[in-house]
């Protein structure tokens, strides 16, 4: 099929932004959209107001569902841009095959838009902590990747009681870390400061170490893999929260987890890397106690107009149809909690992720939250069943630069275990 798409100038894009009569679509990798200058462009980030629709997704069977979820409709006027004309055209052809008619291509992003400080761009506030696979590859090859000024790092492959997930393939040089060394299976809360200190030191981590965390996405049907949450890589995000709480100053996450490494075609190792312990973590734990909320603080939040408990659970869990996990008996929610909608059930977080497991476009998460009354001017404590989904939602908010965000660590598990704690079921009345 031969289609000649109209090319639009920089002036035309400026006019489209001013008149708000086009939808601008960034087809570059999501990491470039977030802020990484992957092609050495003058400014990282995206054209302000653009939607992220990576070329990588163009071959997905669910591509049109992704497009519709972003409210990009056939009657819309579209402007597509990427790092090259060829990238934009590949996505444009996919649109054309799905009866989208009004498509223009913008070829001036790198040379004209990103290089002109007067033209509006935006980026994820803390994008530097959410790294692409290419950044990790540079790191392990002895190069100095962008926004890295340290001389010691540790790459951790996170898992829950499943070293086989690590041994069957991991990033070269990565050590494994079992989430159980940082949280207790009796409560699913973070471990004591003394236990955290010992665990971090055994893994060669000090407060000044750059830690890169990732995990593998495994089937949620494998109930032994996770303590009641969405699969694999979310364990890395649980570790991120706890390490930040403890006081690790530079914690990075490989966006998309091990799948991003595989998709990039980089080398995979099966070597069982030995951990190199350090003598002392280097600072008092916890260095950021405000990141964790326990039951007494949760009750204070319940009574405050300037704070919210955000339930990052599925709708059936939220209204008390199911508890979510076979080891939690009571069904319901903490009174007054706001629905943070993880996805279909306790084992999925699809409302916070793209299909390739990268973190969802932050504008979309922000819009969904604000519609539910979840706003950055409040102290937000995210909870779920045991803390894993809550940690992922917390990390989304933290990456956006929201100033007062925490994890309600005990979640529904701890709350429901105390018969004196009130709870609600059913659809909220207001």
Protein backbone atom coordinates (compact mmCIF):
# COMPACT_ATOMS: atom_id res chain seq x y z
CA UNK A 1 0.00 0.00 0.00
CA UNK A 2 1.54 3.26 -1.13
CA UNK A 3 0.54 6.28 0.96
CA UNK A 4 2.07 9.72 0.82
CA UNK A 5 1.69 11.37 4.19
CA UNK A 6 1.67 15.15 4.39
CA UNK A 7 4.73 16.66 6.05
CA UNK A 8 4.18 19.45 8.56
CA UNK A 9 6.68 22.18 9.44
CA UNK A 10 7.80 23.32 12.86
CA UNK A 11 5.63 26.40 12.42
CA UNK A 12 2.70 24.13 11.63
CA UNK A 13 3.21 22.13 14.83
CA UNK A 14 3.40 25.37 16.84
CA UNK A 15 0.11 26.47 15.28
CA UNK A 16 -1.49 23.08 15.98
CA UNK A 17 -0.50 23.36 19.64
CA UNK A 18 -1.85 26.88 19.88
CA UNK A 19 -5.17 25.97 18.26
CA UNK A 20 -5.45 22.60 20.02
CA UNK A 21 -6.81 21.06 16.81
CA UNK A 22 -4.39 18.11 16.44
CA UNK A 23 -3.20 15.22 18.57
CA UNK A 24 0.58 14.99 18.60
CA UNK A 25 2.05 11.51 18.89
CA UNK A 26 5.62 10.65 19.90
CA UNK A 27 6.64 7.28 18.40
CA UNK A 28 10.11 7.19 19.97
CA UNK A 29 10.95 4.78 22.81
CA UNK A 30 9.14 5.54 26.06
CA UNK A 31 12.47 6.35 27.72
CA UNK A 32 13.05 9.15 25.21
CA UNK A 33 9.53 10.42 25.88
CA UNK A 34 10.27 10.45 29.62
CA UNK A 35 13.39 12.56 29.22
CA UNK A 36 16.40 10.52 28.08
CA UNK A 37 18.28 12.06 25.14
CA UNK A 38 18.83 8.75 23.37
CA UNK A 39 20.05 10.37 20.15
CA UNK A 40 22.00 13.19 21.82
CA UNK A 41 19.28 15.70 21.13
CA UNK A 42 19.77 19.11 22.76
CA UNK A 43 16.85 18.68 25.15
CA UNK A 44 15.43 15.41 26.40
CA UNK A 45 11.71 14.86 26.73
CA UNK A 46 8.77 15.28 24.38
CA UNK A 47 6.79 18.01 22.69
CA UNK A 48 4.53 19.35 25.41
CA UNK A 49 1.08 17.80 25.04
CA UNK A 50 2.24 14.83 22.95
CA UNK A 51 1.08 11.28 23.65
CA UNK A 52 3.51 8.37 23.83
CA UNK A 53 2.91 5.61 21.28
CA UNK A 54 6.19 3.80 20.78
CA UNK A 55 7.08 2.26 17.42
CA UNK A 56 7.98 -0.85 19.43
CA UNK A 57 4.28 -1.48 20.02
CA UNK A 58 3.27 -1.25 16.36
CA UNK A 59 3.42 -5.01 15.84
CA UNK A 60 1.41 -5.89 18.95
CA UNK A 61 -1.91 -7.61 18.32
CA UNK A 62 -3.50 -5.26 20.86
CA UNK A 63 -2.13 -2.14 19.18
CA UNK A 64 -5.52 -0.63 18.37
CA UNK A 65 -6.63 -1.16 21.99
CA UNK A 66 -3.58 0.82 23.12
CA UNK A 67 -4.51 3.61 20.70
CA UNK A 68 -8.13 3.74 21.85
CA UNK A 69 -7.10 3.71 25.52
CA UNK A 70 -5.20 6.90 24.75
CA UNK A 71 -8.40 8.37 23.25
CA UNK A 72 -6.88 8.68 19.78
CA UNK A 73 -9.87 8.33 17.47
CA UNK A 74 -10.21 7.91 13.66
CA UNK A 75 -11.61 11.43 13.17
CA UNK A 76 -8.71 13.08 14.99
CA UNK A 77 -6.09 15.12 13.18
CA UNK A 78 -2.79 13.43 13.96
CA UNK A 79 0.82 14.67 13.90
CA UNK A 80 3.43 11.91 14.31
CA UNK A 81 7.10 12.42 15.05
CA UNK A 82 10.06 10.23 15.95
CA UNK A 83 13.81 10.23 15.68
CA UNK A 84 13.48 9.69 11.93
CA UNK A 85 10.90 10.00 9.18
CA UNK A 86 10.96 6.23 8.75
CA UNK A 87 9.93 5.66 12.40
CA UNK A 88 7.00 8.03 12.12
CA UNK A 89 5.87 6.56 8.80
CA UNK A 90 5.82 3.00 10.14
CA UNK A 91 3.35 4.03 12.82
CA UNK A 92 1.45 6.20 10.33
CA UNK A 93 0.94 3.14 8.08
CA UNK A 94 -0.49 1.25 11.04
CA UNK A 95 -2.94 4.10 11.64
CA UNK A 96 -3.88 4.19 7.97
CA UNK A 97 -4.62 0.45 7.98
CA UNK A 98 -7.08 1.11 10.79
CA UNK A 99 -9.00 3.79 8.86
CA UNK A 100 -7.29 6.86 10.29
CA UNK A 101 -7.28 9.47 7.51
CA UNK A 102 -5.87 12.73 8.86
CA UNK A 103 -2.17 12.01 9.43
CA UNK A 104 0.79 14.36 9.14
CA UNK A 105 4.50 13.65 9.70
CA UNK A 106 6.82 16.04 11.55
CA UNK A 107 10.52 15.55 10.77
CA UNK A 108 12.05 18.45 12.67
CA UNK A 109 12.03 17.23 16.25
CA UNK A 110 15.77 16.62 16.72
CA UNK A 111 17.20 19.43 14.59
CA UNK A 112 14.60 22.13 15.15
CA UNK A 113 12.31 21.47 18.10
CA UNK A 114 14.63 20.04 20.75
CA UNK A 115 17.36 22.51 19.88
CA UNK A 116 15.13 25.56 20.31
CA UNK A 117 14.62 26.45 24.00
CA UNK A 118 11.66 28.64 23.10
CA UNK A 119 9.60 25.65 21.94
CA UNK A 120 7.67 23.85 24.70
CA UNK A 121 8.82 20.45 25.92
CA UNK A 122 8.02 18.32 28.95
CA UNK A 123 9.53 15.34 30.74
CA UNK A 124 8.95 13.03 33.67
CA UNK A 125 10.25 14.92 36.72
CA UNK A 126 12.54 12.15 38.01
CA UNK A 127 13.14 10.29 34.76
CA UNK A 128 16.84 9.87 35.63
CA UNK A 129 15.91 7.18 38.16
CA UNK A 130 13.97 5.18 35.54
CA UNK A 131 16.69 4.03 33.19
CA UNK A 132 16.65 2.43 29.72
CA UNK A 133 18.40 -0.85 28.93
CA UNK A 134 21.05 1.05 26.95
CA UNK A 135 22.00 2.97 30.11
CA UNK A 136 22.52 -0.26 32.05
CA UNK A 137 24.50 -1.73 29.16
CA UNK A 138 26.85 1.26 29.18
CA UNK A 139 27.25 0.94 32.94
CA UNK A 140 28.31 -2.72 32.90
CA UNK A 141 30.67 -2.10 29.99
CA UNK A 142 32.66 0.47 31.94
CA UNK A 143 31.29 3.51 30.16
CA UNK A 144 29.94 6.60 31.90
CA UNK A 145 26.24 6.75 31.04
CA UNK A 146 24.26 9.99 31.10
CA UNK A 147 23.39 11.30 34.58
CA UNK A 148 25.72 8.93 36.43
CA UNK A 149 28.50 10.36 38.60
CA UNK A 150 29.34 7.49 40.92
CA UNK A 151 32.18 4.98 41.00
CA UNK A 152 30.35 2.08 42.66
CA UNK A 153 27.18 0.33 41.62
CA UNK A 154 25.32 -2.91 42.21
CA UNK A 155 22.77 -4.40 39.81
CA UNK A 156 20.12 -6.48 41.56
CA UNK A 157 17.84 -9.04 39.95
CA UNK A 158 14.87 -9.13 42.34
CA UNK A 159 12.75 -12.22 42.91
CA UNK A 160 10.57 -13.81 45.56
CA UNK A 161 11.85 -17.23 46.65
CA UNK A 162 12.81 -18.06 43.07
CA UNK A 163 16.56 -18.02 42.40
CA UNK A 164 15.83 -20.11 39.33
CA UNK A 165 14.37 -17.00 37.70
CA UNK A 166 17.81 -15.44 38.15
CA UNK A 167 19.90 -18.50 37.28
CA UNK A 168 18.05 -19.10 33.98
CA UNK A 169 19.08 -15.70 32.68
CA UNK A 170 20.01 -12.27 34.00
CA UNK A 171 21.93 -9.13 33.17
CA UNK A 172 25.69 -9.86 33.19
CA UNK A 173 27.20 -8.99 36.56
CA UNK A 174 23.85 -8.74 38.33
CA UNK A 175 23.43 -10.39 41.72
CA UNK A 176 20.12 -11.80 42.89
CA UNK A 177 18.13 -10.36 45.76
CA UNK A 178 15.21 -12.19 47.34
CA UNK A 179 12.52 -9.76 48.47
CA UNK A 180 12.31 -11.73 51.70
CA UNK A 181 15.60 -10.27 52.90
CA UNK A 182 13.90 -6.86 52.96
CA UNK A 183 10.39 -7.79 54.10
CA UNK A 184 8.97 -10.30 56.55
CA UNK A 185 6.66 -13.13 55.38
CA UNK A 186 4.87 -13.00 58.73
CA UNK A 187 3.61 -9.46 58.16
CA UNK A 188 4.78 -8.60 54.61
CA UNK A 189 6.06 -5.34 56.14
CA UNK A 190 9.59 -4.05 55.72
CA UNK A 191 12.05 -5.63 58.12
CA UNK A 192 13.55 -3.90 61.15
CA UNK A 193 16.34 -1.33 60.68
CA UNK A 194 18.85 -3.84 62.06
CA UNK A 195 17.73 -6.54 59.63
CA UNK A 196 17.76 -4.12 56.70
CA UNK A 197 21.25 -2.98 57.57
CA UNK A 198 22.52 -6.55 57.63
CA UNK A 199 20.77 -7.48 54.37
CA UNK A 200 22.02 -4.45 52.45
CA UNK A 201 25.58 -4.93 53.68
CA UNK A 202 25.52 -8.61 52.66
CA UNK A 203 24.50 -7.51 49.15
CA UNK A 204 27.36 -5.01 48.93
CA UNK A 205 25.11 -1.97 49.22
CA UNK A 206 25.93 1.20 51.12
CA UNK A 207 23.95 4.42 51.30
CA UNK A 208 26.25 5.82 48.59
CA UNK A 209 26.01 2.86 46.20
CA UNK A 210 24.07 3.29 42.97
CA UNK A 211 21.65 0.37 42.93
CA UNK A 212 19.94 -0.70 39.70
CA UNK A 213 16.92 -2.94 40.28
CA UNK A 214 14.91 -5.06 37.89
CA UNK A 215 13.00 -8.32 37.80
CA UNK A 216 11.46 -10.79 35.40
CA UNK A 217 7.78 -10.86 34.54
CA UNK A 218 6.55 -14.33 35.34
CA UNK A 219 3.10 -15.85 34.94
CA UNK A 220 0.73 -14.68 37.68
CA UNK A 221 -0.71 -18.21 37.67
CA UNK A 222 2.47 -19.30 39.48
CA UNK A 223 1.23 -18.48 42.97
CA UNK A 224 4.55 -19.43 44.57
CA UNK A 225 6.31 -16.62 42.73
CA UNK A 226 4.71 -13.66 44.51
CA UNK A 227 3.12 -12.99 47.87
CA UNK A 228 -0.14 -11.80 46.33
CA UNK A 229 0.68 -9.28 43.66
CA UNK A 230 1.42 -8.79 40.00
CA UNK A 231 4.38 -10.73 38.73
CA UNK A 232 8.19 -10.51 38.78
CA UNK A 233 9.42 -6.99 38.17
CA UNK A 234 7.03 -5.53 40.74
CA UNK A 235 9.22 -7.19 43.36
CA UNK A 236 11.99 -4.86 42.21
CA UNK A 237 9.74 -1.88 42.86
CA UNK A 238 9.00 -3.22 46.31
CA UNK A 239 12.75 -3.33 46.92
CA UNK A 240 13.08 0.22 45.60
CA UNK A 241 10.66 1.56 48.20
CA UNK A 242 12.40 -0.25 51.04
CA UNK A 243 15.90 0.77 49.92
CA UNK A 244 14.81 4.40 49.60
CA UNK A 245 13.25 4.19 53.07
CA UNK A 246 16.48 2.71 54.43
CA UNK A 247 18.63 5.45 52.91
CA UNK A 248 20.13 4.32 49.62
CA UNK A 249 20.55 7.69 47.91
CA UNK A 250 20.62 6.60 44.26
CA UNK A 251 18.19 3.81 43.41
CA UNK A 252 17.50 3.25 39.71
CA UNK A 253 14.95 1.00 38.02
CA UNK A 254 15.36 -0.62 34.62
CA UNK A 255 12.19 0.51 32.88
CA UNK A 256 10.33 -2.60 31.79
CA UNK A 257 12.52 -4.96 33.77
CA UNK A 258 14.38 -7.89 32.24
CA UNK A 259 12.01 -7.85 29.25
CA UNK A 260 13.48 -4.52 28.15
CA UNK A 261 16.96 -6.03 28.31
CA UNK A 262 15.84 -8.97 26.17
CA UNK A 263 14.02 -6.72 23.70
CA UNK A 264 17.19 -4.66 23.26
CA UNK A 265 19.10 -7.79 22.26
CA UNK A 266 21.82 -7.51 24.89
CA UNK A 267 23.87 -10.39 26.28
CA UNK A 268 22.24 -12.64 28.88
CA UNK A 269 24.24 -14.41 31.58
CA UNK A 270 23.51 -17.53 33.62
CA UNK A 271 26.54 -17.15 35.89
CA UNK A 272 25.74 -17.21 39.59
CA UNK A 273 27.42 -13.96 40.60
CA UNK A 274 28.75 -13.93 44.15
CA UNK A 275 27.81 -11.07 46.42
CA UNK A 276 30.59 -8.86 47.80
CA UNK A 277 29.61 -7.74 51.30
CA UNK A 278 30.54 -4.33 52.69
CA UNK A 279 31.44 -3.59 56.29
CA UNK A 280 28.99 -0.80 56.95
CA UNK A 281 25.90 0.64 55.25
CA UNK A 282 27.17 4.09 56.09
CA UNK A 283 24.16 5.87 57.56
CA UNK A 284 21.39 5.43 60.09
CA UNK A 285 18.39 3.37 58.97
CA UNK A 286 15.78 4.57 58.18
CA UNK A 287 17.06 7.73 56.54
CA UNK A 288 13.62 8.47 55.05
CA UNK A 289 11.09 7.19 57.60
CA UNK A 290 8.39 9.43 56.12
CA UNK A 291 8.14 7.13 53.10
CA UNK A 292 6.51 4.42 55.21
CA UNK A 293 3.13 4.70 56.93
CA UNK A 294 2.03 2.19 59.55
CA UNK A 295 -1.40 1.65 61.10
CA UNK A 296 -1.26 4.52 63.64
CA UNK A 297 -0.31 7.01 60.91
CA UNK A 298 -2.93 5.50 58.61
CA UNK A 299 -5.59 6.32 61.19
CA UNK A 300 -4.34 9.91 61.32
CA UNK A 301 -4.58 10.10 57.54
CA UNK A 302 -8.16 8.80 57.70
CA UNK A 303 -9.08 11.78 59.87
CA UNK A 304 -7.23 14.40 57.81
CA UNK A 305 -8.61 16.52 55.00
CA UNK A 306 -5.09 17.02 53.68
CA UNK A 307 -4.25 13.35 53.19
CA UNK A 308 -5.65 10.24 51.52
CA UNK A 309 -5.23 6.50 51.78
CA UNK A 310 -5.16 5.20 48.22
CA UNK A 311 -6.29 1.60 47.69
CA UNK A 312 -4.23 0.20 44.81
CA UNK A 313 -6.39 -2.88 44.44
CA UNK A 314 -8.93 -4.24 41.99
CA UNK A 315 -12.60 -3.24 42.14
CA UNK A 316 -13.75 -6.63 43.53
CA UNK A 317 -11.21 -6.26 46.35
CA UNK A 318 -12.15 -2.63 46.96
CA UNK A 319 -15.86 -3.31 47.40
CA UNK A 320 -15.30 -6.49 49.41
CA UNK A 321 -16.37 -9.18 46.98
CA UNK A 322 -12.98 -10.91 47.38
CA UNK A 323 -10.03 -10.50 49.73
CA UNK A 324 -7.57 -10.87 46.86
CA UNK A 325 -5.41 -13.59 48.41
CA UNK A 326 -6.03 -17.02 49.89
CA UNK A 327 -4.15 -16.10 53.07
CA UNK A 328 -6.33 -13.03 53.80
CA UNK A 329 -9.73 -13.95 55.21
CA UNK A 330 -11.50 -10.64 55.72
CA UNK A 331 -12.91 -8.76 52.72
CA UNK A 332 -13.28 -5.01 52.41
CA UNK A 333 -11.32 -1.77 52.54
CA UNK A 334 -10.00 0.78 55.01
CA UNK A 335 -12.82 3.31 55.59
CA UNK A 336 -12.57 6.40 53.42
CA UNK A 337 -9.89 4.97 51.13
CA UNK A 338 -9.78 6.31 47.58
CA UNK A 339 -9.87 3.75 44.76
CA UNK A 340 -6.48 3.59 43.01
CA UNK A 341 -7.52 0.78 40.60
CA UNK A 342 -4.58 -1.53 39.95
CA UNK A 343 -6.37 -3.51 37.23
CA UNK A 344 -8.37 -6.69 36.90
CA UNK A 345 -7.30 -8.54 40.06
CA UNK A 346 -4.66 -8.87 42.77
CA UNK A 347 -2.15 -10.30 40.29
CA UNK A 348 -2.22 -7.52 37.71
CA UNK A 349 -1.15 -3.88 37.53
CA UNK A 350 -2.11 -3.19 33.92
CA UNK A 351 -3.47 0.29 34.72
CA UNK A 352 0.06 1.38 35.64
CA UNK A 353 2.00 -0.26 32.80
CA UNK A 354 2.34 -0.45 29.05
CA UNK A 355 2.10 -3.82 27.31
CA UNK A 356 5.89 -4.15 27.24
CA UNK A 357 5.90 -3.69 31.05
CA UNK A 358 7.39 -0.20 30.93
CA UNK A 359 5.78 2.36 33.23
CA UNK A 360 2.67 3.91 31.73
CA UNK A 361 2.71 7.43 30.31
CA UNK A 362 2.72 9.61 33.40
CA UNK A 363 0.17 12.09 32.05
CA UNK A 364 -2.36 9.27 31.82
CA UNK A 365 -1.74 8.08 35.38
CA UNK A 366 -2.01 11.67 36.62
CA UNK A 367 -5.32 12.25 34.82
CA UNK A 368 -6.84 9.02 36.16
CA UNK A 369 -5.73 9.85 39.69
CA UNK A 370 -6.93 13.43 39.64
CA UNK A 371 -10.34 12.32 38.40
CA UNK A 372 -10.52 10.13 41.52
CA UNK A 373 -9.39 12.98 43.77
CA UNK A 374 -5.81 11.77 44.10
CA UNK A 375 -3.84 14.99 43.84
CA UNK A 376 -0.26 16.10 44.59
CA UNK A 377 -1.31 18.71 47.15
CA UNK A 378 -2.21 15.94 49.65
CA UNK A 379 -0.17 13.45 51.60
CA UNK A 380 -0.87 10.19 49.75
CA UNK A 381 -0.30 6.79 51.33
CA UNK A 382 -0.69 3.98 48.81
CA UNK A 383 -1.73 0.55 50.05
CA UNK A 384 -2.82 -2.78 48.63
CA UNK A 385 -2.97 -6.25 50.12
CA UNK A 386 0.61 -6.55 51.33
CA UNK A 387 2.55 -3.59 49.94
CA UNK A 388 3.75 -4.64 46.50
CA UNK A 389 1.14 -2.91 44.35
CA UNK A 390 1.18 0.03 46.74
CA UNK A 391 4.94 0.32 46.21
CA UNK A 392 4.51 0.44 42.44
CA UNK A 393 1.88 3.18 42.61
CA UNK A 394 4.02 5.08 45.11
CA UNK A 395 6.93 4.90 42.68
CA UNK A 396 4.79 6.33 39.87
CA UNK A 397 3.86 9.31 42.05
CA UNK A 398 7.44 9.77 43.26
CA UNK A 399 8.76 9.75 39.68
CA UNK A 400 6.28 12.53 38.87
CA UNK A 401 7.83 14.59 41.65
CA UNK A 402 4.78 14.53 43.90
CA UNK A 403 6.14 15.76 47.23
CA UNK A 404 4.21 13.85 49.91
CA UNK A 405 3.93 10.20 48.96
CA UNK A 406 4.30 7.10 51.12
CA UNK A 407 3.50 3.40 51.21
CA UNK A 408 1.01 2.24 53.83
CA UNK A 409 3.18 -0.76 54.42
CA UNK A 410 0.89 -3.16 56.27
CA UNK A 411 -1.89 -2.72 53.75
CA UNK A 412 -5.13 -4.62 54.00
CA UNK A 413 -3.32 -7.66 55.44
CA UNK A 414 -2.25 -5.92 58.64
CA UNK A 415 -5.36 -3.74 58.90
CA UNK A 416 -7.78 -6.65 58.56
CA UNK A 417 -5.90 -8.82 61.06
CA UNK A 418 -6.92 -6.50 63.90
CA UNK A 419 -10.62 -7.05 64.72
CA UNK A 420 -10.75 -3.59 66.33
CA UNK A 421 -10.02 -1.84 63.05
CA UNK A 422 -13.13 -0.63 61.19
CA UNK A 423 -13.69 -1.55 57.56
CA UNK A 424 -16.13 -0.93 54.72
CA UNK A 425 -17.65 -3.02 51.95
CA UNK A 426 -19.84 -2.23 48.97
CA UNK A 427 -19.78 0.69 46.57
CA UNK A 428 -18.90 3.96 48.34
CA UNK A 429 -21.87 6.28 48.73
CA UNK A 430 -20.03 9.40 47.64
